[in-house]
Amino acid sequence: MSASRRTLTAAALLATYMQGVNISLPNAALPHMQGTLSMADDEIGWIFTSYIAASMVILPMTRWLAGRFGRKAVFQASLVVFVIGLVLDTLATTSPQLIVARVIQGAASGPLGPLSMAIMLDLLPPEKHARAGIASTAFSLLGISSGPAVGGWLADYHGWHSIFYVSLPLAGFIFLAVTLWLPEKKPDQAPSFDFFGFAALSLGVIGLQMMLDRGERLEWFASPEILAEAIAAGLGFYLFIVHVLTAERHFADKALFRDRNFVLSTIMIFAAGFVLLPTLALTSPMLEELYGYPVDTTGYMAIPRGVALVGMLVLSGRMSARLDTRVTVLAGMALVIYANWRMLGYSPQMDWRAVVTAGLLQGAGLGILLPALGKAAFASLDRAFHPEGTALFSLSRLYGSTIGISVVQIFFYDNTQAVHLALAKNLAPYRAAARASASAGGAALAQLNDAVTGQAATIAIIDQFKILMLVLLVASPLVLFLRKPRRL
């Protein structure tokens, strides 16, 4: 392979990594960002969901955009807009400004993954395409897994703005490599695109996401805004389902839904996505705010999870083709469920080993599960539908993550309030101690309230780990309905 081809391959993999790492980079840096931006606790999840949801909306359009304007032009434009989003992130002084910047950044990241994969497939011979797919997935998950460690270290020593600056040289290198060596590729006739189906699905996705993100703050259906978002979500999903069932041509072909393995695997990858990012979104704030770990240490504690995930992902690609994929899927699910069960034992008395062990087990389980689900999904699907299937499969994982983050945030704050009331009520028998605290002044009462709030938050976070475990536990019986895939 020539030097230019190697450089382009490296640039494509770095673009995939950059797309993934920017999802989780703010994770360990949240305390610094909250203090600077005066961000409320219920707004934390928006940092992640805004990026992912915007990426999901643009991702299905990638093939049409590349056909209409050219692959190279779309890639370059995406990088430029991505850099604009990065700069706006660093200039944000309020939480709404940061969320808007993350939306811009996420929308620009949508085409980067599919186009990077397409570039690698063009550069490599057919016999290396399977390895290219594994490498692309590994770099994406490596980015997501390493984000907390990189972001925590940068935020602690160089300020939280530096977590966005670090992507600028990467984007510059990728842009330069694409400009110099990537030839333009544009079909003679631009592919058609189902704009109605895309608009209906986008309406449903955005409406549901905004309803979940803002519902707690606006007291749910007491707010006209939440009612409007719920109606928009219901209408969007209804129109999309009707369109898929009745239209002859759309970007989600009916043949995809007639393949049992693809449908079941897509549901299970949604459940896996539901666990993948929400675990990170819960663990870092728990360690920093409740257990008093430094920001950089919290990031370092996420490294074993990422190493195990990527390591098992690479090893899975070398497993014998004779191994029944259903067994691999079940083994991966069992390991993730066991890891989440161990998380139910978190407490203020534990040391760092408990978190590292649970993260390592969960990462290994996800590293087995994700590629196994990919093999199961496409083993019996006609190759003509692989491009559409790949997009829908990726969307399902991303949507699982963004819905998962929103759901655990909702239940966390509800459970914290409920447990706080229950614990505070149990202080009633000790009225003498309460009167003594009151006579000591407001500082003592505040200290007592902080102690109760900390215990309530600890219990609420453990309850969220239980939700993540139950989601996979409920999805696991679907493995039994998978057909034995033919050998590829």
Protein backbone atom coordinates (compact mmCIF):
# COMPACT_ATOMS: atom_id res chain seq x y z
CA MET A 1 0.00 0.00 0.00
CA SER A 2 1.34 3.43 -0.94
CA ALA A 3 2.05 6.15 1.60
CA SER A 4 -0.98 8.16 0.47
CA ARG A 5 -3.29 5.17 0.93
CA ARG A 6 -1.88 4.48 4.38
CA THR A 7 -2.34 8.13 5.33
CA LEU A 8 -5.94 8.12 4.11
CA THR A 9 -6.65 4.91 6.02
CA ALA A 10 -5.19 6.45 9.17
CA ALA A 11 -7.26 9.60 8.61
CA ALA A 12 -10.45 7.55 8.18
CA LEU A 13 -9.81 5.64 11.41
CA LEU A 14 -8.97 8.87 13.27
CA ALA A 15 -12.21 10.43 12.03
CA THR A 16 -14.11 7.44 13.43
CA TYR A 17 -12.24 7.77 16.73
CA MET A 18 -12.87 11.54 16.87
CA GLN A 19 -16.58 11.03 16.29
CA GLY A 20 -16.74 8.52 19.18
CA VAL A 21 -14.48 10.25 21.69
CA ASN A 22 -16.42 13.51 21.50
CA ILE A 23 -19.52 11.72 22.78
CA SER A 24 -17.93 10.92 26.14
CA LEU A 25 -15.14 13.52 26.53
CA PRO A 26 -17.28 15.77 28.79
CA ASN A 27 -18.13 12.84 31.09
CA ALA A 28 -15.44 13.19 33.76
CA ALA A 29 -15.23 16.97 33.25
CA LEU A 30 -18.84 17.60 34.29
CA PRO A 31 -18.08 19.17 37.70
CA HIS A 32 -15.86 21.81 36.07
CA MET A 33 -18.45 22.50 33.35
CA GLN A 34 -21.34 22.71 35.81
CA GLY A 35 -19.54 25.29 37.93
CA THR A 36 -18.55 27.50 34.99
CA LEU A 37 -21.84 27.32 33.09
CA SER A 38 -24.19 27.30 36.12
CA MET A 39 -25.65 24.08 34.78
CA ALA A 40 -28.42 22.40 36.77
CA ASP A 41 -28.12 18.69 37.57
CA ASP A 42 -31.00 17.76 35.25
CA GLU A 43 -29.24 19.45 32.32
CA ILE A 44 -26.17 17.20 32.45
CA GLY A 45 -27.68 14.52 30.23
CA TRP A 46 -28.34 17.09 27.49
CA ILE A 47 -24.59 17.34 26.86
CA PHE A 48 -24.65 13.75 25.63
CA THR A 49 -28.14 13.39 24.16
CA SER A 50 -27.93 16.57 22.06
CA TYR A 51 -24.76 15.31 20.33
CA ILE A 52 -26.06 11.78 19.75
CA ALA A 53 -29.56 12.79 18.64
CA ALA A 54 -28.20 15.32 16.12
CA SER A 55 -25.83 12.69 14.76
CA MET A 56 -28.71 10.22 14.42
CA VAL A 57 -30.81 12.66 12.42
CA ILE A 58 -28.09 13.36 9.84
CA LEU A 59 -26.61 9.86 9.58
CA PRO A 60 -29.37 8.39 7.30
CA MET A 61 -28.80 11.23 4.81
CA THR A 62 -25.10 10.45 4.31
CA ARG A 63 -25.50 8.25 1.23
CA TRP A 64 -27.77 10.78 -0.48
CA LEU A 65 -25.53 13.73 0.42
CA ALA A 66 -22.45 11.94 -0.93
CA GLY A 67 -24.28 11.08 -4.15
CA ARG A 68 -25.63 14.59 -4.58
CA PHE A 69 -22.56 16.66 -3.68
CA GLY A 70 -19.68 14.16 -3.79
CA ARG A 71 -18.10 12.09 -1.06
CA LYS A 72 -15.03 14.30 -0.66
CA ALA A 73 -17.03 17.53 -0.53
CA VAL A 74 -19.41 16.17 2.11
CA PHE A 75 -16.50 14.84 4.21
CA GLN A 76 -14.71 18.19 4.07
CA ALA A 77 -17.88 20.14 4.85
CA SER A 78 -18.61 17.85 7.81
CA LEU A 79 -15.12 18.44 9.20
CA VAL A 80 -15.44 22.22 8.84
CA VAL A 81 -18.83 22.29 10.60
CA PHE A 82 -17.48 19.91 13.26
CA VAL A 83 -14.61 22.34 13.97
CA ILE A 84 -17.10 25.23 14.15
CA GLY A 85 -19.02 23.22 16.75
CA LEU A 86 -15.80 22.63 18.71
CA VAL A 87 -14.99 26.35 18.74
CA LEU A 88 -18.54 27.21 19.83
CA ASP A 89 -18.20 24.66 22.66
CA THR A 90 -15.19 26.53 24.00
CA LEU A 91 -16.92 29.93 23.67
CA ALA A 92 -20.09 28.85 25.51
CA THR A 93 -20.82 30.79 28.69
CA THR A 94 -24.27 29.33 29.43
CA SER A 95 -25.70 25.82 29.26
CA PRO A 96 -28.06 26.61 26.32
CA GLN A 97 -25.09 27.89 24.29
CA LEU A 98 -23.17 24.69 25.00
CA ILE A 99 -26.16 22.51 24.02
CA VAL A 100 -26.56 24.38 20.70
CA ALA A 101 -22.83 23.93 20.04
CA ARG A 102 -23.11 20.21 20.81
CA VAL A 103 -26.04 19.90 18.40
CA ILE A 104 -23.93 21.48 15.63
CA GLN A 105 -20.99 19.26 16.48
CA GLY A 106 -23.16 16.12 16.61
CA ALA A 107 -24.90 16.89 13.31
CA ALA A 108 -21.52 17.29 11.61
CA SER A 109 -20.28 14.02 13.09
CA GLY A 110 -23.14 12.03 11.56
CA PRO A 111 -21.57 11.52 8.09
CA LEU A 112 -18.00 11.00 9.39
CA GLY A 113 -18.42 7.36 10.42
CA PRO A 114 -20.17 6.05 7.27
CA LEU A 115 -17.91 8.03 4.92
CA SER A 116 -14.77 6.89 6.75
CA MET A 117 -15.90 3.29 6.36
CA ALA A 118 -16.65 3.84 2.66
CA ILE A 119 -13.17 5.32 2.14
CA MET A 120 -11.49 2.32 3.78
CA LEU A 121 -13.52 -0.14 1.71
CA ASP A 122 -12.37 1.64 -1.46
CA LEU A 123 -8.72 1.65 -0.36
CA LEU A 124 -8.51 -1.98 0.79
CA PRO A 125 -8.87 -5.19 -1.22
CA PRO A 126 -12.10 -7.21 -0.71
CA GLU A 127 -10.37 -9.84 1.44
CA LYS A 128 -9.58 -7.15 4.03
CA HIS A 129 -13.07 -5.62 4.19
CA ALA A 130 -14.09 -7.69 7.22
CA ARG A 131 -11.01 -6.50 9.12
CA ALA A 132 -11.78 -2.93 8.10
CA GLY A 133 -15.24 -3.25 9.63
CA ILE A 134 -13.79 -4.58 12.89
CA ALA A 135 -11.16 -1.81 12.94
CA SER A 136 -13.81 0.87 12.37
CA THR A 137 -16.00 -0.46 15.18
CA ALA A 138 -12.97 -0.80 17.47
CA PHE A 139 -11.87 2.81 16.91
CA SER A 140 -15.40 4.10 17.49
CA LEU A 141 -15.78 2.19 20.75
CA LEU A 142 -12.21 3.06 21.77
CA GLY A 143 -13.17 6.71 21.38
CA ILE A 144 -16.29 6.33 23.53
CA SER A 145 -14.40 4.33 26.17
CA SER A 146 -11.31 6.53 26.36
CA GLY A 147 -13.27 9.80 26.42
CA PRO A 148 -13.71 9.95 30.23
CA ALA A 149 -9.99 9.32 30.87
CA VAL A 150 -8.81 11.88 28.30
CA GLY A 151 -11.46 14.43 29.30
CA GLY A 152 -10.86 14.01 33.04
CA TRP A 153 -7.11 14.52 32.76
CA LEU A 154 -7.41 17.52 30.45
CA ALA A 155 -10.13 19.19 32.52
CA ASP A 156 -8.24 18.75 35.78
CA TYR A 157 -4.92 20.12 34.54
CA HIS A 158 -5.82 22.41 31.64
CA GLY A 159 -9.46 23.43 32.19
CA TRP A 160 -12.60 21.94 30.65
CA HIS A 161 -12.27 23.99 27.45
CA SER A 162 -9.21 21.91 26.55
CA ILE A 163 -11.34 18.78 26.04
CA PHE A 164 -12.67 20.38 22.87
CA TYR A 165 -9.39 21.94 21.75
CA VAL A 166 -7.76 18.50 21.64
CA SER A 167 -9.84 17.51 18.60
CA LEU A 168 -8.73 20.49 16.53
CA PRO A 169 -5.33 19.07 15.42
CA LEU A 170 -7.00 15.73 14.64
CA ALA A 171 -9.57 17.46 12.46
CA GLY A 172 -6.82 19.47 10.76
CA PHE A 173 -4.80 16.35 9.90
CA ILE A 174 -7.88 14.52 8.60
CA PHE A 175 -8.93 17.50 6.47
CA LEU A 176 -5.43 17.85 5.00
CA ALA A 177 -5.17 14.13 4.16
CA VAL A 178 -8.60 14.10 2.51
CA THR A 179 -7.88 17.29 0.55
CA LEU A 180 -4.54 16.09 -0.76
CA TRP A 181 -5.14 12.42 -1.52
CA LEU A 182 -8.82 11.52 -1.60
CA PRO A 183 -10.23 11.59 -5.14
CA GLU A 184 -13.75 12.84 -5.55
CA LYS A 185 -16.30 10.10 -6.04
CA LYS A 186 -19.75 10.95 -7.28
CA PRO A 187 -22.20 8.64 -9.10
CA ASP A 188 -23.49 9.59 -12.52
CA GLN A 189 -26.97 9.76 -11.10
CA ALA A 190 -27.65 10.91 -7.56
CA PRO A 191 -29.43 8.25 -5.46
CA SER A 192 -33.02 8.85 -4.51
CA PHE A 193 -33.88 9.61 -0.92
CA ASP A 194 -37.08 9.12 1.03
CA PHE A 195 -37.49 12.62 2.44
CA PHE A 196 -41.00 12.01 3.78
CA GLY A 197 -39.97 8.91 5.74
CA PHE A 198 -36.83 10.68 6.95
CA ALA A 199 -38.82 13.74 8.09
CA ALA A 200 -41.41 11.56 9.89
CA LEU A 201 -38.74 9.53 11.70
CA SER A 202 -36.79 12.68 12.62
CA LEU A 203 -39.95 14.29 14.01
CA GLY A 204 -40.58 11.25 16.17
CA VAL A 205 -36.99 10.98 17.39
CA ILE A 206 -36.58 14.69 18.17
CA GLY A 207 -40.03 15.00 19.78
CA LEU A 208 -39.46 12.03 22.09
CA GLN A 209 -35.93 13.14 22.98
CA MET A 210 -37.00 16.67 23.91
CA MET A 211 -39.94 15.34 25.89
CA LEU A 212 -37.68 13.05 27.92
CA ASP A 213 -34.96 15.65 28.38
CA ARG A 214 -37.24 18.51 29.46
CA GLY A 215 -40.16 16.65 31.03
CA GLU A 216 -38.77 16.56 34.58
CA ARG A 217 -37.93 20.27 34.56
CA LEU A 218 -41.36 21.32 33.19
CA GLU A 219 -43.45 18.92 35.33
CA TRP A 220 -44.35 16.71 32.39
CA PHE A 221 -47.83 16.99 30.93
CA ALA A 222 -48.71 20.00 33.05
CA SER A 223 -46.62 21.90 30.49
CA PRO A 224 -47.97 22.78 27.01
CA GLU A 225 -44.45 22.31 25.62
CA ILE A 226 -44.27 18.69 26.79
CA LEU A 227 -47.75 18.01 25.40
CA ALA A 228 -46.68 19.43 22.03
CA GLU A 229 -43.49 17.34 22.02
CA ALA A 230 -45.43 14.18 22.94
CA ILE A 231 -47.91 14.81 20.11
CA ALA A 232 -45.05 15.47 17.68
CA ALA A 233 -43.31 12.24 18.72
CA GLY A 234 -46.48 10.16 18.41
CA LEU A 235 -47.38 11.69 15.05
CA GLY A 236 -43.85 11.26 13.68
CA PHE A 237 -43.57 7.58 14.62
CA TYR A 238 -47.12 6.89 13.42
CA LEU A 239 -46.47 8.47 10.01
CA PHE A 240 -43.17 6.62 9.69
CA ILE A 241 -44.69 3.21 10.48
CA VAL A 242 -47.60 3.78 8.08
CA HIS A 243 -45.18 4.98 5.41
CA VAL A 244 -42.97 1.89 5.79
CA LEU A 245 -45.97 -0.42 5.58
CA THR A 246 -47.67 1.26 2.63
CA ALA A 247 -45.05 2.96 0.43
CA GLU A 248 -43.25 0.97 -2.26
CA ARG A 249 -39.91 2.72 -1.80
CA HIS A 250 -38.42 4.14 1.39
CA PHE A 251 -35.05 4.18 3.13
CA ALA A 252 -36.04 1.29 5.45
CA ASP A 253 -37.00 -1.49 3.04
CA LYS A 254 -39.70 -3.91 4.20
CA ALA A 255 -37.32 -6.79 3.48
CA LEU A 256 -35.30 -5.74 6.53
CA PHE A 257 -38.26 -6.40 8.79
CA ARG A 258 -38.96 -9.79 7.23
CA ASP A 259 -35.56 -11.09 8.33
CA ARG A 260 -36.04 -12.48 11.84
CA ASN A 261 -32.36 -12.37 12.79
CA PHE A 262 -31.99 -8.76 11.70
CA VAL A 263 -35.07 -7.60 13.62
CA LEU A 264 -34.16 -9.43 16.83
CA SER A 265 -30.51 -8.35 16.65
CA THR A 266 -31.56 -4.71 16.10
CA ILE A 267 -33.73 -4.86 19.22
CA MET A 268 -30.87 -6.37 21.24
CA ILE A 269 -28.34 -3.81 19.97
CA PHE A 270 -30.78 -1.13 21.18
CA ALA A 271 -30.64 -2.76 24.63
CA ALA A 272 -26.82 -2.93 24.46
CA GLY A 273 -26.70 0.77 23.55
CA PHE A 274 -29.02 1.45 26.48
CA VAL A 275 -26.24 0.12 28.75
CA LEU A 276 -23.11 1.32 26.90
CA LEU A 277 -23.21 5.10 27.48
CA PRO A 278 -25.59 5.45 30.46
CA THR A 279 -23.14 3.46 32.59
CA LEU A 280 -20.48 6.09 31.91
CA ALA A 281 -22.98 8.90 32.47
CA LEU A 282 -23.82 7.50 35.92
CA THR A 283 -20.43 6.30 37.13
CA SER A 284 -18.37 9.48 36.78
CA PRO A 285 -20.78 11.80 38.67
CA MET A 286 -21.19 9.12 41.36
CA LEU A 287 -17.44 8.85 41.95
CA GLU A 288 -16.79 12.60 41.83
CA GLU A 289 -19.79 14.09 43.64
CA LEU A 290 -20.72 11.35 46.11
CA TYR A 291 -17.49 9.48 46.80
CA GLY A 292 -15.06 12.39 46.47
CA TYR A 293 -12.73 11.02 43.78
CA PRO A 294 -10.66 13.59 41.84
CA VAL A 295 -11.75 14.25 38.25
CA ASP A 296 -8.61 12.77 36.66
CA THR A 297 -8.77 9.65 38.84
CA THR A 298 -12.38 9.10 37.80
CA GLY A 299 -11.28 9.19 34.18
CA TYR A 300 -8.44 6.73 34.78
CA MET A 301 -10.86 4.28 36.40
CA ALA A 302 -12.78 4.07 33.10
CA ILE A 303 -9.68 2.89 31.19
CA PRO A 304 -9.93 -0.85 32.08
CA ARG A 305 -13.50 -0.91 30.76
CA GLY A 306 -12.38 0.53 27.43
CA VAL A 307 -9.34 -1.74 27.17
CA ALA A 308 -11.44 -4.84 27.87
CA LEU A 309 -14.12 -3.73 25.39
CA VAL A 310 -11.74 -3.09 22.50
CA GLY A 311 -9.59 -6.11 23.34
CA MET A 312 -12.51 -8.52 23.30
CA LEU A 313 -13.85 -6.86 20.17
CA VAL A 314 -10.58 -7.57 18.34
CA LEU A 315 -10.41 -11.12 19.71
CA SER A 316 -14.02 -11.73 18.63
CA GLY A 317 -13.02 -11.00 15.05
CA ARG A 318 -10.51 -13.85 15.24
CA MET A 319 -12.90 -16.41 16.66
CA SER A 320 -13.62 -19.51 14.61
CA ALA A 321 -16.48 -19.14 12.13
CA ARG A 322 -17.70 -22.53 13.36
CA LEU A 323 -18.70 -21.06 16.72
CA ASP A 324 -22.46 -20.57 16.90
CA THR A 325 -23.12 -16.82 17.04
CA ARG A 326 -26.09 -17.36 19.34
CA VAL A 327 -23.77 -18.79 21.99
CA THR A 328 -21.49 -15.76 21.67
CA VAL A 329 -24.42 -13.34 21.98
CA LEU A 330 -25.68 -15.13 25.08
CA ALA A 331 -22.20 -15.18 26.65
CA GLY A 332 -21.74 -11.45 26.05
CA MET A 333 -25.15 -10.64 27.52
CA ALA A 334 -24.54 -12.83 30.56
CA LEU A 335 -21.22 -11.11 31.27
CA VAL A 336 -22.73 -7.61 30.97
CA ILE A 337 -25.66 -8.57 33.21
CA TYR A 338 -23.26 -10.02 35.80
CA ALA A 339 -21.16 -6.83 35.69
CA ASN A 340 -24.24 -4.68 36.30
CA TRP A 341 -25.28 -6.98 39.14
CA ARG A 342 -21.90 -6.30 40.77
CA MET A 343 -22.59 -2.56 40.43
CA LEU A 344 -25.59 -2.99 42.74
CA GLY A 345 -23.05 -3.47 45.55
CA TYR A 346 -21.48 0.00 45.17
CA SER A 347 -21.28 1.92 48.45
CA PRO A 348 -19.30 4.78 50.03
CA GLN A 349 -17.21 2.17 51.90
CA MET A 350 -15.88 0.49 48.74
CA ASP A 351 -12.50 1.21 47.20
CA TRP A 352 -11.58 1.72 43.56
CA ARG A 353 -11.21 -2.03 42.86
CA ALA A 354 -14.96 -2.63 42.87
CA VAL A 355 -15.54 -0.02 40.16
CA VAL A 356 -12.60 -1.16 38.03
CA THR A 357 -13.60 -4.84 38.25
CA ALA A 358 -17.22 -4.18 37.32
CA GLY A 359 -16.16 -1.90 34.46
CA LEU A 360 -13.66 -4.44 33.16
CA LEU A 361 -16.29 -7.21 33.18
CA GLN A 362 -18.87 -5.01 31.49
CA GLY A 363 -16.40 -3.87 28.85
CA ALA A 364 -15.41 -7.48 28.08
CA GLY A 365 -19.07 -8.46 27.82
CA LEU A 366 -19.87 -5.60 25.45
CA GLY A 367 -16.76 -6.43 23.40
CA ILE A 368 -18.15 -9.94 22.88
CA LEU A 369 -21.78 -8.89 22.46
CA LEU A 370 -21.58 -6.05 19.93
CA PRO A 371 -19.72 -7.88 17.10
CA ALA A 372 -21.73 -11.04 17.75
CA LEU A 373 -24.98 -9.11 17.26
CA GLY A 374 -23.57 -7.63 14.05
CA LYS A 375 -22.81 -11.09 12.70
CA ALA A 376 -26.24 -12.39 13.70
CA ALA A 377 -28.02 -9.42 12.12
CA PHE A 378 -26.43 -9.70 8.68
CA ALA A 379 -25.73 -13.43 8.39
CA SER A 380 -29.05 -14.19 6.71
CA LEU A 381 -29.82 -10.76 5.23
CA ASP A 382 -29.56 -10.31 1.47
CA ARG A 383 -26.41 -8.32 0.65
CA ALA A 384 -28.49 -5.90 -1.44
CA PHE A 385 -30.00 -4.60 1.81
CA HIS A 386 -26.74 -4.35 3.78
CA PRO A 387 -26.29 -0.55 3.32
CA GLU A 388 -29.80 0.21 4.61
CA GLY A 389 -29.47 -2.46 7.29
CA THR A 390 -26.16 -1.07 8.51
CA ALA A 391 -27.64 2.42 8.88
CA LEU A 392 -30.69 1.14 10.76
CA PHE A 393 -28.54 -1.12 12.97
CA SER A 394 -26.23 1.78 13.88
CA LEU A 395 -29.20 4.07 14.53
CA SER A 396 -30.68 1.51 16.90
CA ARG A 397 -27.51 1.40 19.02
CA LEU A 398 -27.24 5.19 19.09
CA TYR A 399 -30.91 5.62 19.91
CA GLY A 400 -30.60 3.09 22.71
CA SER A 401 -27.81 5.17 24.23
CA THR A 402 -29.60 8.50 24.01
CA ILE A 403 -32.89 7.10 25.35
CA GLY A 404 -30.98 5.26 28.07
CA ILE A 405 -29.25 8.43 29.25
CA SER A 406 -32.56 10.31 29.37
CA VAL A 407 -34.37 7.51 31.22
CA VAL A 408 -31.71 7.05 33.91
CA GLN A 409 -31.55 10.82 34.46
CA ILE A 410 -35.34 10.96 34.94
CA PHE A 411 -35.47 8.05 37.37
CA PHE A 412 -32.36 9.24 39.21
CA TYR A 413 -33.86 12.58 40.21
CA ASP A 414 -37.29 11.09 40.99
CA ASN A 415 -35.72 8.34 43.12
CA THR A 416 -33.40 10.78 44.87
CA GLN A 417 -36.35 12.91 45.96
CA ALA A 418 -38.39 9.89 47.05
CA VAL A 419 -35.53 8.33 49.04
CA HIS A 420 -34.64 11.72 50.56
CA LEU A 421 -38.20 12.06 51.89
CA ALA A 422 -38.14 8.51 53.25
CA LEU A 423 -34.79 9.02 55.01
CA ALA A 424 -35.73 12.45 56.37
CA LYS A 425 -38.96 11.02 57.78
CA ASN A 426 -36.95 8.46 59.70
CA LEU A 427 -35.14 11.28 61.49
CA ALA A 428 -38.37 12.11 63.30
CA PRO A 429 -37.77 9.80 66.34
CA TYR A 430 -34.59 11.71 67.12
CA ARG A 431 -36.29 15.02 67.80
CA ALA A 432 -33.81 15.90 70.51
CA ALA A 433 -30.93 15.61 68.05
CA ALA A 434 -32.87 17.60 65.50
CA ARG A 435 -33.60 20.35 68.07
CA ALA A 436 -29.90 20.37 69.00
CA SER A 437 -28.97 20.81 65.33
CA ALA A 438 -31.50 23.58 64.96
CA SER A 439 -30.15 25.39 67.99
CA ALA A 440 -26.66 25.10 66.53
CA GLY A 441 -27.82 27.12 63.57
CA GLY A 442 -28.52 26.71 59.84
CA ALA A 443 -25.05 25.35 59.07
CA ALA A 444 -25.69 22.20 61.12
CA LEU A 445 -29.07 21.67 59.47
CA ALA A 446 -27.50 22.12 56.06
CA GLN A 447 -24.84 19.56 56.94
CA LEU A 448 -27.52 17.10 58.06
CA ASN A 449 -29.48 17.69 54.87
CA ASP A 450 -26.35 17.14 52.75
CA ALA A 451 -25.74 13.81 54.48
CA VAL A 452 -29.31 12.66 53.80
CA THR A 453 -29.14 13.88 50.19
CA GLY A 454 -25.85 12.02 49.63
CA GLN A 455 -27.30 8.76 50.91
CA ALA A 456 -30.47 9.25 48.83
CA ALA A 457 -28.41 9.91 45.70
CA THR A 458 -26.28 6.80 46.31
CA ILE A 459 -29.38 4.61 46.59
CA ALA A 460 -30.92 6.25 43.52
CA ILE A 461 -27.80 5.65 41.38
CA ILE A 462 -27.71 1.98 42.38
CA ASP A 463 -31.37 1.76 41.34
CA GLN A 464 -30.38 3.06 37.90
CA PHE A 465 -27.74 0.35 37.54
CA LYS A 466 -30.54 -2.09 38.32
CA ILE A 467 -32.63 -0.61 35.48
CA LEU A 468 -29.72 -1.08 33.05
CA MET A 469 -29.32 -4.68 34.19
CA LEU A 470 -33.05 -5.39 33.81
CA VAL A 471 -33.16 -3.98 30.27
CA LEU A 472 -30.58 -6.52 29.09
CA LEU A 473 -32.16 -9.25 31.21
CA VAL A 474 -35.52 -8.67 29.51
CA ALA A 475 -33.91 -8.63 26.05
CA SER A 476 -31.78 -11.75 26.59
CA PRO A 477 -34.54 -14.35 25.85
CA LEU A 478 -34.65 -13.02 22.27
CA VAL A 479 -31.43 -14.97 21.66
CA LEU A 480 -33.48 -18.17 21.77
CA PHE A 481 -35.49 -17.06 18.72
CA LEU A 482 -32.46 -16.38 16.52
CA ARG A 483 -32.02 -18.77 13.63
CA LYS A 484 -28.66 -20.47 13.39
CA PRO A 485 -26.82 -18.23 10.89
CA ARG A 486 -25.24 -19.72 7.84
CA ARG A 487 -21.47 -19.50 7.53
CA LEU A 488 -20.26 -16.38 5.79
